[in-house]
Amino acid sequence: MLFGYLAIPSQRLDISSQICILGSDYQTQVRSLLYQAYRLEPTFEWLFEAGRIGYEHRVRATLRELVQAHFAEGLPAIGLLVNECLVACSCPSRQSCV
């Protein structure tokens, strides 16, 4: 499985960017980006019953567990930093790395 998200930053004249391997210290930012990507995704809305109270909590909890497991397994996480701000991430699994 491959999951990721790209957020578009506000435009600046002096943009510096880099693609890098993310360490576990980026877990909070990765979870936040993925939450923004998946909270309105129709499959997630169906799976986690968006109409029922607690939908956002269920999505956040699931993403928290997935990201924690990903980093605990020592799998790579790739990020795009723009002006030292994480704006995109990808968390490939072993299956997508082979």
C-alpha atoms as a PDB file:
ATOM      1  CA  MET A   1       0.000   0.000   0.000  1.00  0.00           C
ATOM      2  CA  LEU A   2       1.180   3.507  -0.756  1.00  0.00           C
ATOM      3  CA  PHE A   3      -0.359   6.501   0.871  1.00  0.00           C
ATOM      4  CA  GLY A   4       0.605  10.137   0.699  1.00  0.00           C
ATOM      5  CA  TYR A   5      -0.567  13.702   0.361  1.00  0.00           C
ATOM      6  CA  LEU A   6       0.557  17.002  -1.145  1.00  0.00           C
ATOM      7  CA  ALA A   7      -0.409  20.370   0.305  1.00  0.00           C
ATOM      8  CA  ILE A   8       0.166  23.454  -1.840  1.00  0.00           C
ATOM      9  CA  PRO A   9       1.901  26.250   0.119  1.00  0.00           C
ATOM     10  CA  SER A  10       1.240  29.938  -0.478  1.00  0.00           C
ATOM     11  CA  GLN A  11       3.388  31.354  -3.268  1.00  0.00           C
ATOM     12  CA  ARG A  12       6.693  32.988  -2.381  1.00  0.00           C
ATOM     13  CA  LEU A  13       9.453  34.467  -4.462  1.00  0.00           C
ATOM     14  CA  ASP A  14      12.258  32.769  -2.559  1.00  0.00           C
ATOM     15  CA  ILE A  15      11.288  29.096  -2.416  1.00  0.00           C
ATOM     16  CA  SER A  16      13.729  26.422  -1.372  1.00  0.00           C
ATOM     17  CA  SER A  17      12.649  22.808  -1.513  1.00  0.00           C
ATOM     18  CA  GLN A  18      14.112  19.398  -0.897  1.00  0.00           C
ATOM     19  CA  ILE A  19      13.009  15.794  -0.970  1.00  0.00           C
ATOM     20  CA  CYS A  20      14.251  13.799   1.993  1.00  0.00           C
ATOM     21  CA  ILE A  21      13.805  10.656   4.048  1.00  0.00           C
ATOM     22  CA  LEU A  22      11.684  11.484   7.083  1.00  0.00           C
ATOM     23  CA  GLY A  23      12.624  10.330  10.545  1.00  0.00           C
ATOM     24  CA  SER A  24      10.164   9.380  13.246  1.00  0.00           C
ATOM     25  CA  ASP A  25      10.273  12.977  14.527  1.00  0.00           C
ATOM     26  CA  TYR A  26       8.008  13.853  11.576  1.00  0.00           C
ATOM     27  CA  GLN A  27       5.174  11.524  12.655  1.00  0.00           C
ATOM     28  CA  THR A  28       2.900  14.333  13.837  1.00  0.00           C
ATOM     29  CA  GLN A  29       3.277  16.299  10.606  1.00  0.00           C
ATOM     30  CA  VAL A  30       2.793  13.154   8.489  1.00  0.00           C
ATOM     31  CA  ARG A  31      -0.418  12.310  10.379  1.00  0.00           C
ATOM     32  CA  SER A  32      -1.688  15.840   9.904  1.00  0.00           C
ATOM     33  CA  LEU A  33      -1.055  15.805   6.143  1.00  0.00           C
ATOM     34  CA  LEU A  34      -2.662  12.389   5.742  1.00  0.00           C
ATOM     35  CA  TYR A  35      -5.685  13.444   7.792  1.00  0.00           C
ATOM     36  CA  GLN A  36      -6.209  16.425   5.485  1.00  0.00           C
ATOM     37  CA  ALA A  37      -5.955  14.086   2.498  1.00  0.00           C
ATOM     38  CA  TYR A  38      -8.273  11.346   3.715  1.00  0.00           C
ATOM     39  CA  ARG A  39     -10.915  13.052   5.891  1.00  0.00           C
ATOM     40  CA  LEU A  40     -13.150  13.827   2.892  1.00  0.00           C
ATOM     41  CA  GLU A  41     -12.155  10.816   0.788  1.00  0.00           C
ATOM     42  CA  PRO A  42     -15.334   8.870  -0.137  1.00  0.00           C
ATOM     43  CA  THR A  43     -13.938   5.444   0.735  1.00  0.00           C
ATOM     44  CA  PHE A  44     -12.892   6.618   4.198  1.00  0.00           C
ATOM     45  CA  GLU A  45     -16.288   8.285   4.654  1.00  0.00           C
ATOM     46  CA  TRP A  46     -17.979   4.980   3.866  1.00  0.00           C
ATOM     47  CA  LEU A  47     -15.617   2.754   5.891  1.00  0.00           C
ATOM     48  CA  PHE A  48     -15.682   4.942   8.987  1.00  0.00           C
ATOM     49  CA  GLU A  49     -19.352   5.956   8.699  1.00  0.00           C
ATOM     50  CA  ALA A  50     -18.997   9.704   8.216  1.00  0.00           C
ATOM     51  CA  GLY A  51     -22.612  10.321   9.223  1.00  0.00           C
ATOM     52  CA  ARG A  52     -22.084   8.828  12.668  1.00  0.00           C
ATOM     53  CA  ILE A  53     -20.748  10.868  15.581  1.00  0.00           C
ATOM     54  CA  GLY A  54     -17.001  10.452  16.061  1.00  0.00           C
ATOM     55  CA  TYR A  55     -16.023  10.113  12.388  1.00  0.00           C
ATOM     56  CA  GLU A  56     -13.058  12.503  12.629  1.00  0.00           C
ATOM     57  CA  HIS A  57     -11.826  10.743  15.770  1.00  0.00           C
ATOM     58  CA  ARG A  58     -11.957   7.354  14.031  1.00  0.00           C
ATOM     59  CA  VAL A  59     -10.028   8.669  11.030  1.00  0.00           C
ATOM     60  CA  ARG A  60      -7.389  10.329  13.234  1.00  0.00           C
ATOM     61  CA  ALA A  61      -7.002   7.202  15.382  1.00  0.00           C
ATOM     62  CA  THR A  62      -6.602   4.978  12.333  1.00  0.00           C
ATOM     63  CA  LEU A  63      -4.013   7.250  10.754  1.00  0.00           C
ATOM     64  CA  ARG A  64      -2.160   7.519  14.071  1.00  0.00           C
ATOM     65  CA  GLU A  65      -1.923   3.728  14.322  1.00  0.00           C
ATOM     66  CA  LEU A  66      -0.918   3.300  10.666  1.00  0.00           C
ATOM     67  CA  VAL A  67       1.817   5.935  10.857  1.00  0.00           C
ATOM     68  CA  GLN A  68       3.137   4.599  14.192  1.00  0.00           C
ATOM     69  CA  ALA A  69       3.265   1.065  12.775  1.00  0.00           C
ATOM     70  CA  HIS A  70       4.943   2.297   9.598  1.00  0.00           C
ATOM     71  CA  PHE A  71       7.762   4.009  11.481  1.00  0.00           C
ATOM     72  CA  ALA A  72       8.033   1.170  14.046  1.00  0.00           C
ATOM     73  CA  GLU A  73       8.634  -1.303  11.213  1.00  0.00           C
ATOM     74  CA  GLY A  74      11.477   0.862   9.963  1.00  0.00           C
ATOM     75  CA  LEU A  75       9.802   1.484   6.616  1.00  0.00           C
ATOM     76  CA  PRO A  76      10.821   4.546   4.616  1.00  0.00           C
ATOM     77  CA  ALA A  77       8.870   7.773   4.655  1.00  0.00           C
ATOM     78  CA  ILE A  78       9.664  10.359   2.020  1.00  0.00           C
ATOM     79  CA  GLY A  79       8.831  14.003   2.380  1.00  0.00           C
ATOM     80  CA  LEU A  80       8.901  17.208   0.394  1.00  0.00           C
ATOM     81  CA  LEU A  81      10.013  20.193   2.432  1.00  0.00           C
ATOM     82  CA  VAL A  82       9.335  23.672   1.068  1.00  0.00           C
ATOM     83  CA  ASN A  83      11.062  26.401   3.040  1.00  0.00           C
ATOM     84  CA  GLU A  84      11.602  23.811   5.795  1.00  0.00           C
ATOM     85  CA  CYS A  85       7.865  23.051   6.006  1.00  0.00           C
ATOM     86  CA  LEU A  86       6.606  19.532   5.241  1.00  0.00           C
ATOM     87  CA  VAL A  87       4.095  19.872   2.402  1.00  0.00           C
ATOM     88  CA  ALA A  88       3.991  16.326   1.014  1.00  0.00           C
ATOM     89  CA  CYS A  89       4.686  12.825   2.224  1.00  0.00           C
ATOM     90  CA  SER A  90       4.705   9.271   0.966  1.00  0.00           C
ATOM     91  CA  CYS A  91       4.845   6.173   3.133  1.00  0.00           C
ATOM     92  CA  PRO A  92       5.494   3.166   0.887  1.00  0.00           C
ATOM     93  CA  SER A  93       5.079  -0.315   2.326  1.00  0.00           C
ATOM     94  CA  ARG A  94       7.296  -3.315   1.763  1.00  0.00           C
ATOM     95  CA  GLN A  95       4.996  -4.531  -1.016  1.00  0.00           C
ATOM     96  CA  SER A  96       5.287  -1.273  -2.947  1.00  0.00           C
ATOM     97  CA  CYS A  97       9.068  -1.150  -2.375  1.00  0.00           C
ATOM     98  CA  VAL A  98       9.711  -4.557  -3.955  1.00  0.00           C
END
